[in-house]
Amino acid sequence: MNHSAYTSVLGLSCGVIVLCAVVVLWRRSLRAIVRALAVQGMALALVALTLGLHGHDDGLVVVAVLVLVAKGAVVPTLITRIVRHDVASRETQPLVNVPASLVAAGVLIFLAFAASRSITALASSASGRLIPYGMAAMLIGFFALATRRKAVSQIVGLLLVDNGIALVAFLATAGVPLIVELGASLDVLLIVVVLQVLATQMRLRLGSVDLDQLAELHD
């Protein structure tokens, strides 16, 4: 892979990752939100694959396949099963409405680039200069966690943060060891499986996984 193609694919993949994070704030359909998460997982796998092919790192290519399977297929499928049994599968009343959320996303992206300016100035590689994209995905994930009311939306927000951390790790170190990524992916899968079980039990016992309705039951 020549340098021009390498930088183009890497930049495009990072852009897609941030765009998918913004789509999570923009769309209210939980199915659309999960699809955006799946696309983001595929883009993250493409970042790892690009770094692996460019650096002739077979281990990183294996990590890319692992990320594709775990974050691009398995995790979104598990979350989709929760959404499929949710009658009101929409984020109807987030704490911050959609227009304000999109403005906040723009501000968070700007903050990510501003805060990472000193890091990118010292970066000697094309991958290092893309670190702000990972920071932006992390900040948007935290914002989704704080402002969304549906349990599924908050799960997705947590996974956005995880994907942002993984992106920063890939770009800053030109990849992470296979055993580290394997452990992280298994942790994410375990979290999602546990949340799926909890969501299923909540739905069977209480008829809803809406956090506001559950709070009303507590009151």
C-alpha atoms as a PDB file:
ATOM      1  CA  MET A   1       0.000   0.000   0.000  1.00  0.00           C
ATOM      2  CA  ASN A   2       1.549   3.312  -1.089  1.00  0.00           C
ATOM      3  CA  HIS A   3       1.634   6.288   1.263  1.00  0.00           C
ATOM      4  CA  SER A   4      -1.090   8.237  -0.539  1.00  0.00           C
ATOM      5  CA  ALA A   5      -3.587   5.372  -0.384  1.00  0.00           C
ATOM      6  CA  TYR A   6      -2.584   4.685   3.226  1.00  0.00           C
ATOM      7  CA  THR A   7      -3.280   8.230   4.421  1.00  0.00           C
ATOM      8  CA  SER A   8      -6.510   8.473   2.382  1.00  0.00           C
ATOM      9  CA  VAL A   9      -7.989   5.231   3.722  1.00  0.00           C
ATOM     10  CA  LEU A  10      -6.894   6.029   7.265  1.00  0.00           C
ATOM     11  CA  GLY A  11      -8.370   9.542   7.158  1.00  0.00           C
ATOM     12  CA  LEU A  12     -11.620   8.342   5.586  1.00  0.00           C
ATOM     13  CA  SER A  13     -12.029   5.575   8.165  1.00  0.00           C
ATOM     14  CA  CYS A  14     -11.460   7.986  11.059  1.00  0.00           C
ATOM     15  CA  GLY A  15     -13.955  10.409   9.530  1.00  0.00           C
ATOM     16  CA  VAL A  16     -16.565   7.639   9.281  1.00  0.00           C
ATOM     17  CA  ILE A  17     -16.011   6.737  12.941  1.00  0.00           C
ATOM     18  CA  VAL A  18     -16.740  10.304  14.073  1.00  0.00           C
ATOM     19  CA  LEU A  19     -19.657  10.609  11.629  1.00  0.00           C
ATOM     20  CA  CYS A  20     -21.245   7.450  13.047  1.00  0.00           C
ATOM     21  CA  ALA A  21     -20.929   8.891  16.554  1.00  0.00           C
ATOM     22  CA  VAL A  22     -22.769  12.019  15.378  1.00  0.00           C
ATOM     23  CA  VAL A  23     -25.454   9.862  13.714  1.00  0.00           C
ATOM     24  CA  VAL A  24     -26.101   8.217  17.101  1.00  0.00           C
ATOM     25  CA  LEU A  25     -27.045  11.662  18.451  1.00  0.00           C
ATOM     26  CA  TRP A  26     -29.015  12.567  15.324  1.00  0.00           C
ATOM     27  CA  ARG A  27     -31.218   9.486  14.875  1.00  0.00           C
ATOM     28  CA  ARG A  28     -33.989   8.572  17.297  1.00  0.00           C
ATOM     29  CA  SER A  29     -34.671   5.081  15.962  1.00  0.00           C
ATOM     30  CA  LEU A  30     -32.782   2.584  18.079  1.00  0.00           C
ATOM     31  CA  ARG A  31     -32.380   0.308  15.051  1.00  0.00           C
ATOM     32  CA  ALA A  32     -30.681   3.133  13.134  1.00  0.00           C
ATOM     33  CA  ILE A  33     -28.465   3.850  16.140  1.00  0.00           C
ATOM     34  CA  VAL A  34     -27.342   0.218  16.321  1.00  0.00           C
ATOM     35  CA  ARG A  35     -26.654   0.195  12.560  1.00  0.00           C
ATOM     36  CA  ALA A  36     -24.456   3.285  13.009  1.00  0.00           C
ATOM     37  CA  LEU A  37     -22.586   1.456  15.771  1.00  0.00           C
ATOM     38  CA  ALA A  38     -22.026  -1.524  13.449  1.00  0.00           C
ATOM     39  CA  VAL A  39     -20.660   0.720  10.688  1.00  0.00           C
ATOM     40  CA  GLN A  40     -18.371   2.380  13.217  1.00  0.00           C
ATOM     41  CA  GLY A  41     -17.047  -1.019  14.278  1.00  0.00           C
ATOM     42  CA  MET A  42     -16.308  -1.876  10.632  1.00  0.00           C
ATOM     43  CA  ALA A  43     -14.510   1.439  10.149  1.00  0.00           C
ATOM     44  CA  LEU A  44     -12.443   0.786  13.278  1.00  0.00           C
ATOM     45  CA  ALA A  45     -11.492  -2.619  11.885  1.00  0.00           C
ATOM     46  CA  LEU A  46     -10.469  -0.931   8.625  1.00  0.00           C
ATOM     47  CA  VAL A  47      -8.177   1.412  10.576  1.00  0.00           C
ATOM     48  CA  ALA A  48      -6.463  -1.558  12.216  1.00  0.00           C
ATOM     49  CA  LEU A  49      -6.248  -3.398   8.889  1.00  0.00           C
ATOM     50  CA  THR A  50      -4.748  -0.364   7.130  1.00  0.00           C
ATOM     51  CA  LEU A  51      -2.140   0.096   9.858  1.00  0.00           C
ATOM     52  CA  GLY A  52      -1.335  -3.617   9.752  1.00  0.00           C
ATOM     53  CA  LEU A  53      -0.920  -3.773   5.983  1.00  0.00           C
ATOM     54  CA  HIS A  54       1.136  -0.588   5.883  1.00  0.00           C
ATOM     55  CA  GLY A  55       3.395  -1.731   8.709  1.00  0.00           C
ATOM     56  CA  HIS A  56       3.527  -5.357   7.539  1.00  0.00           C
ATOM     57  CA  ASP A  57       2.233  -6.395  10.963  1.00  0.00           C
ATOM     58  CA  ASP A  58       0.410  -9.746  10.780  1.00  0.00           C
ATOM     59  CA  GLY A  59      -0.656  -9.468  14.410  1.00  0.00           C
ATOM     60  CA  LEU A  60      -2.444  -6.211  13.727  1.00  0.00           C
ATOM     61  CA  VAL A  61      -4.230  -7.769  10.755  1.00  0.00           C
ATOM     62  CA  VAL A  62      -5.514 -10.472  13.104  1.00  0.00           C
ATOM     63  CA  VAL A  63      -6.629  -7.741  15.517  1.00  0.00           C
ATOM     64  CA  ALA A  64      -8.516  -6.085  12.635  1.00  0.00           C
ATOM     65  CA  VAL A  65     -10.397  -9.326  11.953  1.00  0.00           C
ATOM     66  CA  LEU A  66     -11.175  -9.661  15.663  1.00  0.00           C
ATOM     67  CA  VAL A  67     -12.499  -6.093  15.814  1.00  0.00           C
ATOM     68  CA  LEU A  68     -14.612  -6.656  12.702  1.00  0.00           C
ATOM     69  CA  VAL A  69     -16.216  -9.778  14.153  1.00  0.00           C
ATOM     70  CA  ALA A  70     -16.717  -8.446  17.671  1.00  0.00           C
ATOM     71  CA  LYS A  71     -17.571  -4.779  17.146  1.00  0.00           C
ATOM     72  CA  GLY A  72     -18.900  -4.891  13.612  1.00  0.00           C
ATOM     73  CA  ALA A  73     -21.091  -7.985  13.901  1.00  0.00           C
ATOM     74  CA  VAL A  74     -21.487  -9.762  17.248  1.00  0.00           C
ATOM     75  CA  VAL A  75     -22.069  -6.776  19.559  1.00  0.00           C
ATOM     76  CA  PRO A  76     -24.557  -5.000  17.212  1.00  0.00           C
ATOM     77  CA  THR A  77     -26.423  -8.297  16.757  1.00  0.00           C
ATOM     78  CA  LEU A  78     -26.774  -8.758  20.516  1.00  0.00           C
ATOM     79  CA  ILE A  79     -28.058  -5.192  20.940  1.00  0.00           C
ATOM     80  CA  THR A  80     -30.456  -5.646  18.018  1.00  0.00           C
ATOM     81  CA  ARG A  81     -32.045  -8.553  19.886  1.00  0.00           C
ATOM     82  CA  ILE A  82     -32.847  -6.184  22.754  1.00  0.00           C
ATOM     83  CA  VAL A  83     -34.287  -3.573  20.380  1.00  0.00           C
ATOM     84  CA  ARG A  84     -36.384  -6.154  18.522  1.00  0.00           C
ATOM     85  CA  HIS A  85     -38.395  -6.869  21.682  1.00  0.00           C
ATOM     86  CA  ASP A  86     -38.801  -3.213  22.632  1.00  0.00           C
ATOM     87  CA  VAL A  87     -42.194  -1.942  21.472  1.00  0.00           C
ATOM     88  CA  ALA A  88     -41.193   1.721  21.739  1.00  0.00           C
ATOM     89  CA  SER A  89     -37.827   1.342  20.010  1.00  0.00           C
ATOM     90  CA  ARG A  90     -37.194   5.076  19.736  1.00  0.00           C
ATOM     91  CA  GLU A  91     -35.311   7.653  21.771  1.00  0.00           C
ATOM     92  CA  THR A  92     -38.354   9.930  22.088  1.00  0.00           C
ATOM     93  CA  GLN A  93     -37.373  12.336  24.857  1.00  0.00           C
ATOM     94  CA  PRO A  94     -33.615  12.654  25.365  1.00  0.00           C
ATOM     95  CA  LEU A  95     -32.454  15.080  28.050  1.00  0.00           C
ATOM     96  CA  VAL A  96     -30.971  17.234  25.238  1.00  0.00           C
ATOM     97  CA  ASN A  97     -32.978  17.467  22.011  1.00  0.00           C
ATOM     98  CA  VAL A  98     -31.549  16.516  18.627  1.00  0.00           C
ATOM     99  CA  PRO A  99     -30.666  20.016  17.297  1.00  0.00           C
ATOM    100  CA  ALA A 100     -28.917  20.932  20.549  1.00  0.00           C
ATOM    101  CA  SER A 101     -27.162  17.546  20.571  1.00  0.00           C
ATOM    102  CA  LEU A 102     -25.781  18.139  17.079  1.00  0.00           C
ATOM    103  CA  VAL A 103     -24.506  21.573  18.133  1.00  0.00           C
ATOM    104  CA  ALA A 104     -22.924  19.962  21.196  1.00  0.00           C
ATOM    105  CA  ALA A 105     -21.307  17.325  18.969  1.00  0.00           C
ATOM    106  CA  GLY A 106     -19.741  20.087  16.872  1.00  0.00           C
ATOM    107  CA  VAL A 107     -18.426  21.772  20.016  1.00  0.00           C
ATOM    108  CA  LEU A 108     -17.025  18.478  21.336  1.00  0.00           C
ATOM    109  CA  ILE A 109     -15.259  17.785  18.022  1.00  0.00           C
ATOM    110  CA  PHE A 110     -13.724  21.265  18.148  1.00  0.00           C
ATOM    111  CA  LEU A 111     -12.617  20.691  21.758  1.00  0.00           C
ATOM    112  CA  ALA A 112     -11.085  17.346  20.832  1.00  0.00           C
ATOM    113  CA  PHE A 113      -8.992  18.918  18.082  1.00  0.00           C
ATOM    114  CA  ALA A 114      -8.056  21.880  20.264  1.00  0.00           C
ATOM    115  CA  ALA A 115      -7.045  19.707  23.228  1.00  0.00           C
ATOM    116  CA  SER A 116      -5.000  17.385  20.990  1.00  0.00           C
ATOM    117  CA  ARG A 117      -3.164  20.179  19.178  1.00  0.00           C
ATOM    118  CA  SER A 118       0.045  19.727  21.159  1.00  0.00           C
ATOM    119  CA  ILE A 119      -0.022  15.967  20.528  1.00  0.00           C
ATOM    120  CA  THR A 120      -0.582  16.267  16.785  1.00  0.00           C
ATOM    121  CA  ALA A 121       2.122  18.935  16.537  1.00  0.00           C
ATOM    122  CA  LEU A 122       4.656  16.435  17.862  1.00  0.00           C
ATOM    123  CA  ALA A 123       3.336  13.509  15.808  1.00  0.00           C
ATOM    124  CA  SER A 124       5.719  12.386  13.108  1.00  0.00           C
ATOM    125  CA  SER A 125       3.339   9.942  11.439  1.00  0.00           C
ATOM    126  CA  ALA A 126       0.075  10.313   9.538  1.00  0.00           C
ATOM    127  CA  SER A 127      -1.684   8.105  12.075  1.00  0.00           C
ATOM    128  CA  GLY A 128      -0.596  10.250  15.014  1.00  0.00           C
ATOM    129  CA  ARG A 129      -2.098  13.350  13.443  1.00  0.00           C
ATOM    130  CA  LEU A 130      -5.514  11.643  13.404  1.00  0.00           C
ATOM    131  CA  ILE A 131      -5.670  11.110  17.173  1.00  0.00           C
ATOM    132  CA  PRO A 132      -8.225  13.968  17.613  1.00  0.00           C
ATOM    133  CA  TYR A 133     -10.787  11.828  15.765  1.00  0.00           C
ATOM    134  CA  GLY A 134     -10.573   9.201  18.502  1.00  0.00           C
ATOM    135  CA  MET A 135     -10.864  11.857  21.183  1.00  0.00           C
ATOM    136  CA  ALA A 136     -13.940  13.268  19.455  1.00  0.00           C
ATOM    137  CA  ALA A 137     -15.614   9.847  19.325  1.00  0.00           C
ATOM    138  CA  MET A 138     -14.920   9.389  23.052  1.00  0.00           C
ATOM    139  CA  LEU A 139     -16.397  12.769  24.000  1.00  0.00           C
ATOM    140  CA  ILE A 140     -19.515  12.203  21.904  1.00  0.00           C
ATOM    141  CA  GLY A 141     -19.915   8.798  23.540  1.00  0.00           C
ATOM    142  CA  PHE A 142     -19.771  10.361  27.006  1.00  0.00           C
ATOM    143  CA  PHE A 143     -22.339  12.939  25.878  1.00  0.00           C
ATOM    144  CA  ALA A 144     -24.676  10.165  24.666  1.00  0.00           C
ATOM    145  CA  LEU A 145     -24.270   8.377  27.991  1.00  0.00           C
ATOM    146  CA  ALA A 146     -25.217  11.515  29.897  1.00  0.00           C
ATOM    147  CA  THR A 147     -28.172  12.688  27.801  1.00  0.00           C
ATOM    148  CA  ARG A 148     -29.983   9.585  26.492  1.00  0.00           C
ATOM    149  CA  ARG A 149     -32.762   7.929  28.485  1.00  0.00           C
ATOM    150  CA  LYS A 150     -33.170   4.580  26.765  1.00  0.00           C
ATOM    151  CA  ALA A 151     -31.009   1.813  28.191  1.00  0.00           C
ATOM    152  CA  VAL A 152     -29.994   0.756  24.663  1.00  0.00           C
ATOM    153  CA  SER A 153     -28.887   4.295  23.810  1.00  0.00           C
ATOM    154  CA  GLN A 154     -26.712   4.364  26.912  1.00  0.00           C
ATOM    155  CA  ILE A 155     -25.208   0.992  26.002  1.00  0.00           C
ATOM    156  CA  VAL A 156     -24.348   2.413  22.584  1.00  0.00           C
ATOM    157  CA  GLY A 157     -22.870   5.514  24.238  1.00  0.00           C
ATOM    158  CA  LEU A 158     -20.606   3.281  26.333  1.00  0.00           C
ATOM    159  CA  LEU A 159     -19.506   1.422  23.202  1.00  0.00           C
ATOM    160  CA  LEU A 160     -18.785   4.716  21.429  1.00  0.00           C
ATOM    161  CA  VAL A 161     -16.417   5.586  24.258  1.00  0.00           C
ATOM    162  CA  ASP A 162     -14.776   2.169  23.954  1.00  0.00           C
ATOM    163  CA  ASN A 163     -14.377   2.545  20.177  1.00  0.00           C
ATOM    164  CA  GLY A 164     -12.880   6.003  20.640  1.00  0.00           C
ATOM    165  CA  ILE A 165     -10.344   4.650  23.133  1.00  0.00           C
ATOM    166  CA  ALA A 166      -9.480   1.815  20.739  1.00  0.00           C
ATOM    167  CA  LEU A 167      -9.024   4.288  17.867  1.00  0.00           C
ATOM    168  CA  VAL A 168      -6.661   6.449  19.917  1.00  0.00           C
ATOM    169  CA  ALA A 169      -4.694   3.333  20.896  1.00  0.00           C
ATOM    170  CA  PHE A 170      -4.383   2.213  17.278  1.00  0.00           C
ATOM    171  CA  LEU A 171      -3.327   5.634  16.013  1.00  0.00           C
ATOM    172  CA  ALA A 172      -0.973   6.510  18.866  1.00  0.00           C
ATOM    173  CA  THR A 173       0.892   3.196  18.955  1.00  0.00           C
ATOM    174  CA  ALA A 174       0.313   1.946  15.393  1.00  0.00           C
ATOM    175  CA  GLY A 175      -1.658  -0.895  16.892  1.00  0.00           C
ATOM    176  CA  VAL A 176      -2.018  -2.727  20.176  1.00  0.00           C
ATOM    177  CA  PRO A 177      -0.852  -6.245  21.056  1.00  0.00           C
ATOM    178  CA  LEU A 178      -3.242  -9.025  20.079  1.00  0.00           C
ATOM    179  CA  ILE A 179      -3.690 -10.215  23.650  1.00  0.00           C
ATOM    180  CA  VAL A 180      -4.674  -6.703  24.789  1.00  0.00           C
ATOM    181  CA  GLU A 181      -7.277  -6.297  22.062  1.00  0.00           C
ATOM    182  CA  LEU A 182      -8.579  -9.814  22.688  1.00  0.00           C
ATOM    183  CA  GLY A 183      -9.043  -9.032  26.369  1.00  0.00           C
ATOM    184  CA  ALA A 184     -10.753  -5.705  25.625  1.00  0.00           C
ATOM    185  CA  SER A 185     -13.095  -7.286  23.074  1.00  0.00           C
ATOM    186  CA  LEU A 186     -14.044 -10.071  25.479  1.00  0.00           C
ATOM    187  CA  ASP A 187     -14.755  -7.474  28.173  1.00  0.00           C
ATOM    188  CA  VAL A 188     -17.046  -5.573  25.794  1.00  0.00           C
ATOM    189  CA  LEU A 189     -18.829  -8.772  24.782  1.00  0.00           C
ATOM    190  CA  LEU A 190     -19.301  -9.723  28.442  1.00  0.00           C
ATOM    191  CA  ILE A 191     -20.735  -6.289  29.254  1.00  0.00           C
ATOM    192  CA  VAL A 192     -23.185  -6.437  26.345  1.00  0.00           C
ATOM    193  CA  VAL A 193     -24.275  -9.997  27.183  1.00  0.00           C
ATOM    194  CA  VAL A 194     -24.898  -9.028  30.818  1.00  0.00           C
ATOM    195  CA  LEU A 195     -26.823  -5.934  29.743  1.00  0.00           C
ATOM    196  CA  GLN A 196     -28.872  -8.033  27.322  1.00  0.00           C
ATOM    197  CA  VAL A 197     -29.816 -10.430  30.114  1.00  0.00           C
ATOM    198  CA  LEU A 198     -30.703  -7.539  32.423  1.00  0.00           C
ATOM    199  CA  ALA A 199     -32.744  -5.806  29.705  1.00  0.00           C
ATOM    200  CA  THR A 200     -34.624  -9.042  28.993  1.00  0.00           C
ATOM    201  CA  GLN A 201     -35.433  -9.541  32.682  1.00  0.00           C
ATOM    202  CA  MET A 202     -36.504  -5.898  33.049  1.00  0.00           C
ATOM    203  CA  ARG A 203     -38.797  -6.191  30.061  1.00  0.00           C
ATOM    204  CA  LEU A 204     -40.358  -9.452  31.290  1.00  0.00           C
ATOM    205  CA  ARG A 205     -40.911  -8.196  34.838  1.00  0.00           C
ATOM    206  CA  LEU A 206     -41.640  -4.507  34.243  1.00  0.00           C
ATOM    207  CA  GLY A 207     -42.647  -4.344  30.562  1.00  0.00           C
ATOM    208  CA  SER A 208     -40.100  -1.661  29.661  1.00  0.00           C
ATOM    209  CA  VAL A 209     -36.407  -0.794  29.486  1.00  0.00           C
ATOM    210  CA  ASP A 210     -37.058   2.966  29.520  1.00  0.00           C
ATOM    211  CA  LEU A 211     -34.997   4.446  32.351  1.00  0.00           C
ATOM    212  CA  ASP A 212     -37.549   7.168  33.118  1.00  0.00           C
ATOM    213  CA  GLN A 213     -40.322   4.618  33.647  1.00  0.00           C
ATOM    214  CA  LEU A 214     -38.055   2.569  35.881  1.00  0.00           C
ATOM    215  CA  ALA A 215     -37.261   5.683  37.925  1.00  0.00           C
ATOM    216  CA  GLU A 216     -40.971   6.294  38.372  1.00  0.00           C
ATOM    217  CA  LEU A 217     -41.361   2.777  39.746  1.00  0.00           C
ATOM    218  CA  HIS A 218     -38.586   3.530  42.243  1.00  0.00           C
ATOM    219  CA  ASP A 219     -40.313   6.733  43.335  1.00  0.00           C
END
